[in-house]
Amino acid sequence: MERPILPLGDYYQLLIKHGLLANQTPLKANLAQPVALVSCDSQKVVPGTLFLCKGKAFKGQYLAQALERGAFAYVSEQVYPEGGAAPCIRVTDIRAAMGLLADLAYGHPSGGLTITGITGTKGKTTAAYYIKSILDAWLATQGHRESAILSTIVTDDGVERRPAKLTTPEPLDLQRHLFHARSSGADYVTMECSSQALKYGRVIGVDLSCAVFLNIGEDHISPNEHPDWADYFASKLLIFRQARTACINLDCDHAREVHDAASASCAQVVTFSQKDPSATVYATNVHKVGSTTAFHLRTPSYERDMVLGMPGLFNLENALAAVGVAELYGIPGDIVADCLARAAVPGRMEHYTSANGEVSVIVDYAHNGMSLEALLRSARAEYPGRELTVLFGCTGGKGLDRREGMGNAAGAWADRILLTEDDPGPEEVVDICADIQGYLDHYGKVGTVIPDRPEAVFRAVLECHTPAVVVLAGKGCEMEQKRKNGPEPCVPDGLLAQKALAEYDKRQ
């Protein structure tokens, strides 16, 4: 399958159609000239490129470099002196323009794919892996290749497989991945849709077969992300505008508004719940059995007892979302049951135990107040009578509301709190920890500040009072810390936990 090579006029007409041109002055350019590539990266420009000038940090020198490498026209919200005589297609919204142009450049690949888009404050990655697991098992019964996934953890589009850089890629990258999925025969795609991607048009032009709405809580509220909660919620709801069907959680906050938004845009809405018997997918008799969660499930297609193999009572919400998607796609209950019983997600609810069983360590990516509270609440229920230690930090330079949310969750539920590094970026770790401590003060608790994360993990394990459960939150299986000078390698929490437990065992 070849990527289409279209004339400049096609791109120009697309912008006119969507009312994105900043003025009505006719473009002085050869509209019949073929566009070999659409790019926003001056380092990747080839002769015949239509160059996009986007981003707050964009500089005219990047345009000059692009023109030197062969770009012949550019799209921008302003005319740059460095553009010289090159035709400038001036637009009112470069983000919206970028999404539309990227979709056209790759031939609208989503039109030939079955794409499940997932949004929510917590659980997106776990739900994505559950859905992919079910899809792949079903597709295997038909002799079909496995599906593609674009998640916080990994990008696997059937051609490229690598660690993800963003929860939802930028438009040109996203459309390339969808093009790869289609051309490689990975006809089903499961992708996470972040609030930022929805707000800023990264997913414009992407046809979703199903939009999944897991939950909504306070997160990503900062000058660089969402100015307030209303903007965050409104951004999340945008997912329904490009979906044929929806799968929503009736137990989430503001469920009525979510249901109304889904019903207004989608031809079919499937619901799931642990509380409302009217839900399409309804779970009852939820209880812990060892490290698994057992429950009774009722859907329009079947009714049966089920087991979720992954620990954490809160993960049932993600499992029910996957069941709802499977119901929409007509996947048999036997396949769904088998996949959920074997469910596993890298960096999510990884569980390690000391040789004598006195210390249990949980590694999880929980990185906002809502997810950390759910994790700690679950740990309390699943490990009654044990000292509960939590180790976490917060990102620097963004998501400032997380410090309050995570501080409140730790203060309310943990016996022992260790504050450490978690992608501090431009800020000092001790300053971030001091902000978190301000919220712990309300609970009369003090977090021990240990900036070095490996040291913090070892002390969390070796200095606990047994029997104990230790929660390592925020990093999951990540292998980089984002510091002032950019990403730097780090040891993932799971490996640190195993090393710390080995030392604990040695001391017994």
Protein backbone atom coordinates (compact mmCIF):
# COMPACT_ATOMS: atom_id res chain seq x y z
CA MET A 1 0.00 0.00 0.00
CA GLU A 2 1.53 3.30 -1.14
CA ARG A 3 1.09 6.65 0.52
CA PRO A 4 -0.74 9.01 -1.88
CA ILE A 5 1.17 11.80 -3.60
CA LEU A 6 -1.29 14.67 -4.01
CA PRO A 7 -0.95 18.14 -5.55
CA LEU A 8 -0.64 21.22 -3.37
CA GLY A 9 -4.10 22.29 -4.53
CA ASP A 10 -5.72 19.37 -2.71
CA TYR A 11 -4.21 20.47 0.59
CA TYR A 12 -5.16 24.09 -0.09
CA GLN A 13 -8.76 23.16 -0.88
CA LEU A 14 -9.00 21.11 2.32
CA LEU A 15 -8.09 24.17 4.38
CA ILE A 16 -10.63 26.27 2.48
CA LYS A 17 -13.33 23.63 3.07
CA HIS A 18 -12.78 23.77 6.83
CA GLY A 19 -12.58 27.56 6.97
CA LEU A 20 -9.02 27.65 8.22
CA LEU A 21 -7.49 30.21 5.83
CA ALA A 22 -6.52 33.46 7.58
CA ASN A 23 -7.32 35.56 4.49
CA GLN A 24 -9.00 35.23 1.12
CA THR A 25 -6.04 36.40 -0.97
CA PRO A 26 -5.43 33.81 -3.71
CA LEU A 27 -2.33 31.73 -3.12
CA LYS A 28 0.50 32.60 -5.48
CA ALA A 29 1.81 29.10 -6.03
CA ASN A 30 1.70 26.24 -8.50
CA LEU A 31 -1.27 24.31 -7.10
CA ALA A 32 -0.53 21.40 -9.41
CA GLN A 33 2.89 20.79 -7.86
CA PRO A 34 3.01 17.34 -6.20
CA VAL A 35 3.60 17.30 -2.45
CA ALA A 36 6.18 14.59 -1.75
CA LEU A 37 5.94 14.96 2.02
CA VAL A 38 4.09 16.92 4.69
CA SER A 39 6.39 17.56 7.66
CA CYS A 40 6.87 19.78 10.71
CA ASP A 41 10.45 18.58 11.29
CA SER A 42 13.07 20.55 9.37
CA GLN A 43 15.51 17.67 9.80
CA LYS A 44 13.27 15.27 7.82
CA VAL A 45 12.43 17.52 4.88
CA VAL A 46 12.93 16.17 1.34
CA PRO A 47 12.54 18.01 -1.98
CA GLY A 48 8.87 18.74 -2.60
CA THR A 49 7.89 19.05 1.07
CA LEU A 50 4.97 21.11 2.37
CA PHE A 51 6.33 22.38 5.68
CA LEU A 52 4.20 23.08 8.78
CA CYS A 53 5.33 25.76 11.24
CA LYS A 54 3.88 24.74 14.59
CA GLY A 55 4.59 25.03 18.29
CA LYS A 56 5.25 27.83 20.78
CA ALA A 57 8.98 27.25 20.46
CA PHE A 58 9.00 27.47 16.65
CA LYS A 59 11.72 29.72 15.21
CA GLY A 60 12.08 31.15 11.75
CA GLN A 61 15.44 29.43 11.39
CA TYR A 62 13.64 26.07 11.30
CA LEU A 63 11.70 27.25 8.25
CA ALA A 64 14.91 28.46 6.63
CA GLN A 65 16.45 25.01 7.18
CA ALA A 66 13.38 23.32 5.72
CA LEU A 67 13.51 25.50 2.59
CA GLU A 68 17.22 24.77 2.18
CA ARG A 69 16.46 21.05 2.23
CA GLY A 70 13.77 21.30 -0.43
CA ALA A 71 10.49 22.49 1.09
CA PHE A 72 8.65 24.60 -1.50
CA ALA A 73 5.74 26.03 0.56
CA TYR A 74 4.76 26.37 4.18
CA VAL A 75 1.65 26.49 6.36
CA SER A 76 1.74 28.85 9.32
CA GLU A 77 -0.26 31.26 11.46
CA GLN A 78 2.14 34.03 10.42
CA VAL A 79 4.43 34.99 7.59
CA TYR A 80 8.11 34.52 8.45
CA PRO A 81 10.86 36.71 6.95
CA GLU A 82 12.97 33.56 6.70
CA GLY A 83 10.36 32.20 4.30
CA GLY A 84 11.53 34.56 1.58
CA ALA A 85 9.57 34.09 -1.65
CA ALA A 86 8.21 30.67 -0.67
CA PRO A 87 4.38 30.54 -0.74
CA CYS A 88 2.87 30.86 2.74
CA ILE A 89 -0.55 29.34 3.39
CA ARG A 90 -1.59 31.34 6.42
CA VAL A 91 -4.12 29.67 8.71
CA THR A 92 -6.07 30.66 11.80
CA ASP A 93 -5.33 27.45 13.73
CA ILE A 94 -2.16 25.55 12.92
CA ARG A 95 -3.10 22.62 15.18
CA ALA A 96 -6.41 22.00 13.43
CA ALA A 97 -4.74 22.46 10.06
CA MET A 98 -2.01 19.99 10.97
CA GLY A 99 -4.48 17.28 11.92
CA LEU A 100 -6.43 17.65 8.67
CA LEU A 101 -3.34 17.85 6.46
CA ALA A 102 -1.77 14.83 8.14
CA ASP A 103 -4.92 12.78 7.57
CA LEU A 104 -4.98 13.74 3.88
CA ALA A 105 -1.25 13.12 3.44
CA TYR A 106 -1.65 9.48 4.53
CA GLY A 107 -4.87 8.85 2.64
CA HIS A 108 -7.26 8.85 5.62
CA PRO A 109 -6.03 5.47 6.94
CA SER A 110 -8.56 5.32 9.77
CA GLY A 111 -11.28 4.89 7.17
CA GLY A 112 -10.04 1.34 6.58
CA LEU A 113 -9.43 0.41 10.23
CA THR A 114 -11.49 -0.53 13.28
CA ILE A 115 -10.14 1.83 15.93
CA THR A 116 -10.98 1.84 19.62
CA GLY A 117 -10.11 5.14 21.29
CA ILE A 118 -9.88 5.26 25.10
CA THR A 119 -9.99 8.30 27.34
CA GLY A 120 -10.21 8.75 31.11
CA THR A 121 -8.25 10.19 34.00
CA LYS A 122 -6.97 6.77 35.05
CA GLY A 123 -6.85 3.28 33.59
CA LYS A 124 -6.38 4.07 29.88
CA THR A 125 -3.30 1.90 29.43
CA THR A 126 -4.67 -1.03 31.41
CA ALA A 127 -7.95 -0.95 29.49
CA ALA A 128 -6.03 -0.71 26.20
CA TYR A 129 -4.02 -3.84 27.00
CA TYR A 130 -7.14 -5.75 28.06
CA ILE A 131 -8.87 -4.80 24.80
CA LYS A 132 -5.85 -5.67 22.67
CA SER A 133 -5.50 -9.05 24.40
CA ILE A 134 -9.14 -9.90 23.68
CA LEU A 135 -8.91 -8.66 20.09
CA ASP A 136 -5.74 -10.63 19.37
CA ALA A 137 -7.16 -13.88 20.77
CA TRP A 138 -10.30 -13.41 18.68
CA LEU A 139 -8.37 -12.48 15.54
CA ALA A 140 -6.13 -15.54 15.98
CA THR A 141 -9.18 -17.81 15.73
CA GLN A 142 -9.74 -16.34 12.27
CA GLY A 143 -6.14 -16.68 11.14
CA HIS A 144 -5.73 -12.92 11.27
CA ARG A 145 -2.59 -11.09 12.37
CA GLU A 146 -2.53 -9.33 15.76
CA SER A 147 -3.91 -5.84 16.24
CA ALA A 148 -1.96 -2.61 16.65
CA ILE A 149 -1.71 -0.54 19.83
CA LEU A 150 -0.74 3.07 20.54
CA SER A 151 -0.39 3.43 24.29
CA THR A 152 1.53 5.23 26.99
CA ILE A 153 3.85 2.22 27.21
CA VAL A 154 4.44 1.16 23.63
CA THR A 155 3.81 2.08 20.02
CA ASP A 156 3.23 -1.04 17.90
CA ASP A 157 1.66 -0.27 14.53
CA GLY A 158 2.54 -3.45 12.65
CA VAL A 159 5.72 -1.90 11.23
CA GLU A 160 7.29 0.08 14.08
CA ARG A 161 7.54 -1.23 17.63
CA ARG A 162 9.16 1.01 20.24
CA PRO A 163 8.57 2.70 23.60
CA ALA A 164 6.01 5.49 23.32
CA LYS A 165 7.01 9.15 23.53
CA LEU A 166 3.51 10.56 24.03
CA THR A 167 0.26 8.97 25.19
CA THR A 168 -1.24 10.07 21.87
CA PRO A 169 1.25 10.91 19.08
CA GLU A 170 1.30 14.22 17.22
CA PRO A 171 -0.88 14.20 14.06
CA LEU A 172 1.77 13.37 11.46
CA ASP A 173 3.17 10.57 13.62
CA LEU A 174 -0.31 9.31 14.48
CA GLN A 175 -1.43 9.16 10.86
CA ARG A 176 1.83 7.42 9.91
CA HIS A 177 1.18 4.76 12.54
CA LEU A 178 -2.39 4.29 11.32
CA PHE A 179 -1.13 4.04 7.74
CA HIS A 180 1.36 1.38 8.86
CA ALA A 181 -1.39 -0.55 10.64
CA ARG A 182 -3.57 -0.53 7.56
CA SER A 183 -0.79 -1.37 5.11
CA SER A 184 0.51 -4.22 7.32
CA GLY A 185 -2.93 -5.78 7.72
CA ALA A 186 -3.32 -4.93 11.41
CA ASP A 187 -6.93 -3.94 10.80
CA TYR A 188 -7.76 -3.29 14.46
CA VAL A 189 -6.10 -0.52 16.46
CA THR A 190 -6.45 0.26 20.16
CA MET A 191 -5.26 3.74 21.11
CA GLU A 192 -5.24 5.98 24.15
CA CYS A 193 -6.66 9.46 23.61
CA SER A 194 -5.29 11.98 26.09
CA SER A 195 -7.14 15.16 26.97
CA GLN A 196 -4.31 17.17 25.39
CA ALA A 197 -4.62 15.22 22.14
CA LEU A 198 -8.37 15.83 22.04
CA LYS A 199 -8.12 19.51 22.96
CA TYR A 200 -5.37 20.35 20.49
CA GLY A 201 -6.62 18.34 17.54
CA ARG A 202 -4.04 15.56 17.36
CA VAL A 203 -6.79 13.08 16.52
CA ILE A 204 -8.64 15.26 14.00
CA GLY A 205 -9.61 13.13 11.01
CA VAL A 206 -9.40 9.84 12.91
CA ASP A 207 -12.58 7.76 12.58
CA LEU A 208 -13.17 5.85 15.81
CA SER A 209 -15.26 2.71 15.69
CA CYS A 210 -15.70 2.96 19.45
CA ALA A 211 -14.94 5.70 21.98
CA VAL A 212 -14.39 4.41 25.52
CA PHE A 213 -14.90 6.80 28.45
CA LEU A 214 -13.53 5.31 31.68
CA ASN A 215 -13.77 8.05 34.30
CA ILE A 216 -13.10 11.70 35.04
CA GLY A 217 -11.21 13.31 37.91
CA GLU A 218 -8.95 16.31 38.43
CA ASP A 219 -5.66 16.04 36.55
CA HIS A 220 -3.55 18.01 34.07
CA ILE A 221 -4.74 21.34 35.50
CA SER A 222 -1.91 23.81 34.92
CA PRO A 223 -1.08 26.88 32.80
CA ASN A 224 0.58 24.63 30.23
CA GLU A 225 -2.24 22.07 29.96
CA HIS A 226 -5.85 22.78 31.01
CA PRO A 227 -6.56 26.09 32.77
CA ASP A 228 -9.39 24.57 34.81
CA TRP A 229 -11.42 21.41 35.34
CA ALA A 230 -14.20 22.51 32.98
CA ASP A 231 -11.73 22.76 30.10
CA TYR A 232 -10.32 19.33 30.98
CA PHE A 233 -13.77 17.69 31.06
CA ALA A 234 -14.89 19.40 27.84
CA SER A 235 -11.72 18.19 26.12
CA LYS A 236 -12.40 14.60 27.20
CA LEU A 237 -15.96 14.72 25.85
CA LEU A 238 -14.69 15.67 22.38
CA ILE A 239 -13.84 12.01 21.77
CA PHE A 240 -17.49 11.19 21.02
CA ARG A 241 -17.68 13.60 18.08
CA GLN A 242 -15.57 11.32 15.91
CA ALA A 243 -16.90 7.93 17.04
CA ARG A 244 -19.59 5.65 15.62
CA THR A 245 -20.25 3.91 18.94
CA ALA A 246 -19.40 4.54 22.59
CA CYS A 247 -18.69 2.49 25.70
CA ILE A 248 -19.09 4.45 28.94
CA ASN A 249 -18.86 3.91 32.69
CA LEU A 250 -22.11 4.60 34.51
CA ASP A 251 -20.22 4.59 37.84
CA CYS A 252 -17.95 7.51 36.98
CA ASP A 253 -18.44 11.06 38.22
CA HIS A 254 -20.64 13.17 35.90
CA ALA A 255 -21.92 10.01 34.22
CA ARG A 256 -25.10 11.76 33.07
CA GLU A 257 -23.17 14.43 31.18
CA VAL A 258 -20.92 11.76 29.68
CA HIS A 259 -23.93 9.69 28.59
CA ASP A 260 -25.62 12.74 27.06
CA ALA A 261 -22.51 13.67 25.08
CA ALA A 262 -22.10 10.10 23.83
CA SER A 263 -25.77 9.77 22.86
CA ALA A 264 -25.70 13.06 20.97
CA SER A 265 -22.91 11.90 18.64
CA CYS A 266 -22.83 8.09 18.56
CA ALA A 267 -25.24 5.69 16.88
CA GLN A 268 -24.94 3.16 19.72
CA VAL A 269 -23.95 3.53 23.38
CA VAL A 270 -22.92 0.55 25.51
CA THR A 271 -22.72 1.11 29.27
CA PHE A 272 -20.94 -0.75 32.05
CA SER A 273 -21.37 -0.66 35.81
CA GLN A 274 -20.91 -2.40 39.14
CA LYS A 275 -23.81 -0.44 40.66
CA ASP A 276 -26.51 0.09 38.05
CA PRO A 277 -28.42 -3.05 36.95
CA SER A 278 -29.65 -1.21 33.85
CA ALA A 279 -26.12 -1.18 32.40
CA THR A 280 -25.42 -3.14 29.22
CA VAL A 281 -22.49 -4.82 30.97
CA TYR A 282 -23.16 -5.40 34.66
CA ALA A 283 -20.87 -6.94 37.29
CA THR A 284 -22.04 -8.23 40.66
CA ASN A 285 -20.65 -10.32 43.55
CA VAL A 286 -17.21 -8.77 43.15
CA HIS A 287 -14.72 -10.30 45.58
CA LYS A 288 -11.02 -11.02 45.96
CA VAL A 289 -9.80 -14.60 45.50
CA GLY A 290 -6.08 -14.80 46.25
CA SER A 291 -4.41 -12.28 43.93
CA THR A 292 -7.36 -12.33 41.49
CA THR A 293 -10.77 -10.66 41.40
CA ALA A 294 -13.85 -12.85 40.91
CA PHE A 295 -17.21 -11.48 39.77
CA HIS A 296 -20.46 -12.39 38.07
CA LEU A 297 -20.98 -10.81 34.65
CA ARG A 298 -24.12 -10.16 32.66
CA THR A 299 -24.13 -8.88 29.07
CA PRO A 300 -26.80 -9.03 26.34
CA SER A 301 -24.93 -12.03 24.86
CA TYR A 302 -24.09 -14.13 27.92
CA GLU A 303 -24.09 -14.43 31.70
CA ARG A 304 -21.32 -16.18 33.61
CA ASP A 305 -18.83 -16.09 36.47
CA MET A 306 -15.52 -14.46 35.57
CA VAL A 307 -12.05 -13.96 37.01
CA LEU A 308 -9.73 -11.01 36.45
CA GLY A 309 -6.20 -12.35 36.83
CA MET A 310 -4.56 -8.99 37.46
CA PRO A 311 -4.63 -7.80 41.10
CA GLY A 312 -6.33 -4.58 42.17
CA LEU A 313 -10.08 -4.35 42.72
CA PHE A 314 -10.11 -1.03 40.86
CA ASN A 315 -8.99 -2.78 37.66
CA LEU A 316 -12.45 -4.30 37.30
CA GLU A 317 -13.59 -0.98 35.84
CA ASN A 318 -11.04 -1.39 33.05
CA ALA A 319 -12.04 -5.01 32.52
CA LEU A 320 -15.71 -4.09 32.16
CA ALA A 321 -14.78 -1.47 29.55
CA ALA A 322 -12.99 -4.20 27.60
CA VAL A 323 -16.06 -6.44 27.91
CA GLY A 324 -18.21 -3.62 26.55
CA VAL A 325 -15.95 -3.15 23.52
CA ALA A 326 -15.94 -6.91 22.91
CA GLU A 327 -19.74 -6.87 23.03
CA LEU A 328 -19.85 -4.18 20.36
CA TYR A 329 -17.44 -6.14 18.16
CA GLY A 330 -19.29 -9.45 18.62
CA ILE A 331 -16.44 -11.27 20.36
CA PRO A 332 -17.55 -14.50 22.13
CA GLY A 333 -17.68 -14.62 25.92
CA ASP A 334 -15.33 -17.62 26.15
CA ILE A 335 -12.53 -15.60 24.55
CA VAL A 336 -13.23 -12.60 26.79
CA ALA A 337 -13.20 -14.77 29.93
CA ASP A 338 -9.94 -16.51 29.01
CA CYS A 339 -8.13 -13.25 28.25
CA LEU A 340 -9.25 -11.49 31.43
CA ALA A 341 -8.19 -14.49 33.52
CA ARG A 342 -4.67 -14.15 32.07
CA ALA A 343 -4.56 -10.34 32.03
CA ALA A 344 -1.24 -8.58 32.57
CA VAL A 345 0.06 -5.09 31.76
CA PRO A 346 3.72 -3.99 31.96
CA GLY A 347 4.24 -1.61 34.87
CA ARG A 348 0.66 -2.01 36.14
CA MET A 349 0.05 -3.85 39.41
CA GLU A 350 3.31 -5.78 39.20
CA HIS A 351 3.52 -7.79 42.43
CA TYR A 352 6.64 -9.03 44.21
CA THR A 353 6.91 -10.80 47.57
CA SER A 354 9.69 -11.58 50.04
CA ALA A 355 10.62 -15.22 50.61
CA ASN A 356 8.86 -15.27 53.99
CA GLY A 357 5.76 -13.52 52.63
CA GLU A 358 6.06 -10.69 55.15
CA VAL A 359 6.70 -7.96 52.57
CA SER A 360 4.61 -7.45 49.43
CA VAL A 361 5.66 -4.82 46.90
CA ILE A 362 3.28 -3.40 44.29
CA VAL A 363 4.68 -1.48 41.32
CA ASP A 364 2.15 0.64 39.50
CA TYR A 365 2.12 3.62 37.15
CA ALA A 366 -0.44 5.52 39.28
CA HIS A 367 0.62 9.13 38.77
CA ASN A 368 -2.34 11.28 39.75
CA GLY A 369 -4.51 11.63 42.82
CA MET A 370 -7.42 9.62 41.48
CA SER A 371 -5.33 6.61 40.46
CA LEU A 372 -3.17 6.68 43.61
CA GLU A 373 -6.23 6.80 45.87
CA ALA A 374 -7.76 3.83 44.03
CA LEU A 375 -4.48 1.93 44.35
CA LEU A 376 -4.01 2.63 48.07
CA ARG A 377 -7.65 1.96 48.85
CA SER A 378 -7.35 -1.39 47.08
CA ALA A 379 -4.11 -2.21 48.91
CA ARG A 380 -5.85 -1.53 52.23
CA ALA A 381 -8.69 -3.88 51.31
CA GLU A 382 -6.48 -6.62 49.88
CA TYR A 383 -3.79 -6.55 52.59
CA PRO A 384 -5.70 -5.87 55.83
CA GLY A 385 -3.65 -5.43 58.98
CA ARG A 386 -0.40 -4.65 57.16
CA GLU A 387 1.63 -1.45 57.38
CA LEU A 388 1.03 0.44 54.13
CA THR A 389 4.01 2.31 52.72
CA VAL A 390 3.75 4.47 49.61
CA LEU A 391 6.65 5.89 47.61
CA PHE A 392 5.98 8.52 44.97
CA GLY A 393 6.92 11.89 43.50
CA CYS A 394 5.38 14.29 40.98
CA THR A 395 6.41 15.63 37.60
CA GLY A 396 8.03 19.03 37.38
CA GLY A 397 6.74 21.93 35.32
CA LYS A 398 3.25 20.55 34.61
CA GLY A 399 0.27 18.82 36.17
CA LEU A 400 0.66 20.86 39.35
CA ASP A 401 -2.70 19.61 40.61
CA ARG A 402 -1.18 16.14 40.96
CA ARG A 403 0.78 17.28 44.00
CA GLU A 404 -2.43 18.04 45.84
CA GLY A 405 -4.24 14.92 44.62
CA MET A 406 -1.41 12.50 45.35
CA GLY A 407 -0.60 14.21 48.64
CA ASN A 408 -4.21 13.88 49.77
CA ALA A 409 -4.38 10.22 48.68
CA ALA A 410 -1.18 9.35 50.54
CA GLY A 411 -2.19 11.36 53.60
CA ALA A 412 -5.58 9.66 53.82
CA TRP A 413 -4.51 6.06 53.23
CA ALA A 414 -0.80 5.41 53.90
CA ASP A 415 0.93 4.70 57.21
CA ARG A 416 4.36 5.57 55.89
CA ILE A 417 5.22 7.98 53.05
CA LEU A 418 8.44 8.37 51.09
CA LEU A 419 8.77 11.27 48.62
CA THR A 420 11.23 10.96 45.77
CA GLU A 421 12.02 11.71 42.14
CA ASP A 422 9.49 11.26 39.33
CA ASP A 423 10.41 13.19 36.17
CA PRO A 424 11.29 16.48 37.94
CA GLY A 425 12.15 18.21 34.66
CA PRO A 426 13.01 21.87 35.28
CA GLU A 427 12.32 21.75 39.03
CA GLU A 428 14.32 20.51 42.01
CA VAL A 429 13.08 17.26 43.51
CA VAL A 430 13.17 18.70 47.04
CA ASP A 431 10.98 21.64 45.97
CA ILE A 432 8.37 19.31 44.47
CA CYS A 433 8.43 17.21 47.63
CA ALA A 434 7.99 20.34 49.76
CA ASP A 435 4.83 21.18 47.79
CA ILE A 436 3.48 17.67 48.38
CA GLN A 437 4.30 17.91 52.08
CA GLY A 438 2.04 20.94 52.32
CA TYR A 439 -0.92 18.65 51.58
CA LEU A 440 0.33 15.89 53.90
CA ASP A 441 0.32 18.42 56.73
CA HIS A 442 -3.50 18.38 56.73
CA TYR A 443 -3.35 14.72 57.80
CA GLY A 444 -0.64 15.20 60.41
CA LYS A 445 1.79 13.09 58.39
CA VAL A 446 5.36 13.69 57.28
CA GLY A 447 6.86 12.32 54.11
CA THR A 448 10.49 11.24 54.23
CA VAL A 449 12.26 13.00 51.34
CA ILE A 450 14.80 10.81 49.53
CA PRO A 451 15.61 12.41 46.13
CA ASP A 452 17.49 9.37 44.81
CA ARG A 453 14.76 6.96 43.71
CA PRO A 454 16.79 3.71 43.93
CA GLU A 455 17.80 4.58 47.51
CA ALA A 456 14.20 5.44 48.29
CA VAL A 457 12.97 2.07 47.01
CA PHE A 458 15.54 0.17 49.07
CA ARG A 459 14.65 2.10 52.21
CA ALA A 460 10.94 1.63 51.55
CA VAL A 461 11.46 -2.13 51.62
CA LEU A 462 14.26 -2.56 54.12
CA GLU A 463 12.94 -0.14 56.76
CA CYS A 464 9.29 -1.21 56.72
CA HIS A 465 7.60 -2.74 59.77
CA THR A 466 6.37 -6.21 58.87
CA PRO A 467 3.96 -7.48 57.85
CA ALA A 468 3.93 -4.77 55.22
CA VAL A 469 2.78 -3.82 51.76
CA VAL A 470 4.92 -1.30 49.88
CA VAL A 471 3.48 0.63 46.94
CA LEU A 472 5.92 2.09 44.41
CA ALA A 473 3.86 4.55 42.39
CA GLY A 474 4.38 6.70 39.33
CA LYS A 475 7.08 5.16 37.15
CA GLY A 476 5.90 1.61 36.45
CA CYS A 477 8.24 0.00 33.93
CA GLU A 478 9.68 3.30 32.66
CA MET A 479 13.42 3.33 32.07
CA GLU A 480 14.00 7.10 31.89
CA GLN A 481 13.85 10.03 34.28
CA LYS A 482 13.07 13.40 32.68
CA ARG A 483 15.49 15.83 34.28
CA LYS A 484 16.68 19.36 33.52
CA ASN A 485 18.92 18.26 30.67
CA GLY A 486 16.36 15.89 29.18
CA PRO A 487 15.66 12.16 29.58
CA GLU A 488 18.30 10.12 31.42
CA PRO A 489 18.37 6.32 31.88
CA CYS A 490 17.07 4.87 35.14
CA VAL A 491 16.40 1.42 36.59
CA PRO A 492 12.69 0.51 36.42
CA ASP A 493 10.85 0.15 39.71
CA GLY A 494 10.14 -3.55 39.21
CA LEU A 495 13.82 -4.38 39.03
CA LEU A 496 14.58 -2.13 42.01
CA ALA A 497 11.86 -3.90 43.98
CA GLN A 498 13.31 -7.32 43.21
CA LYS A 499 16.81 -6.21 44.24
CA ALA A 500 15.51 -4.67 47.46
CA LEU A 501 13.56 -7.82 48.33
CA ALA A 502 16.61 -9.96 47.61
CA GLU A 503 18.54 -7.85 50.12
CA TYR A 504 15.67 -8.15 52.60
CA ASP A 505 15.68 -11.96 52.20
CA LYS A 506 19.43 -12.04 52.75
CA ARG A 507 19.05 -10.21 56.08
CA GLN A 508 16.45 -12.60 57.49
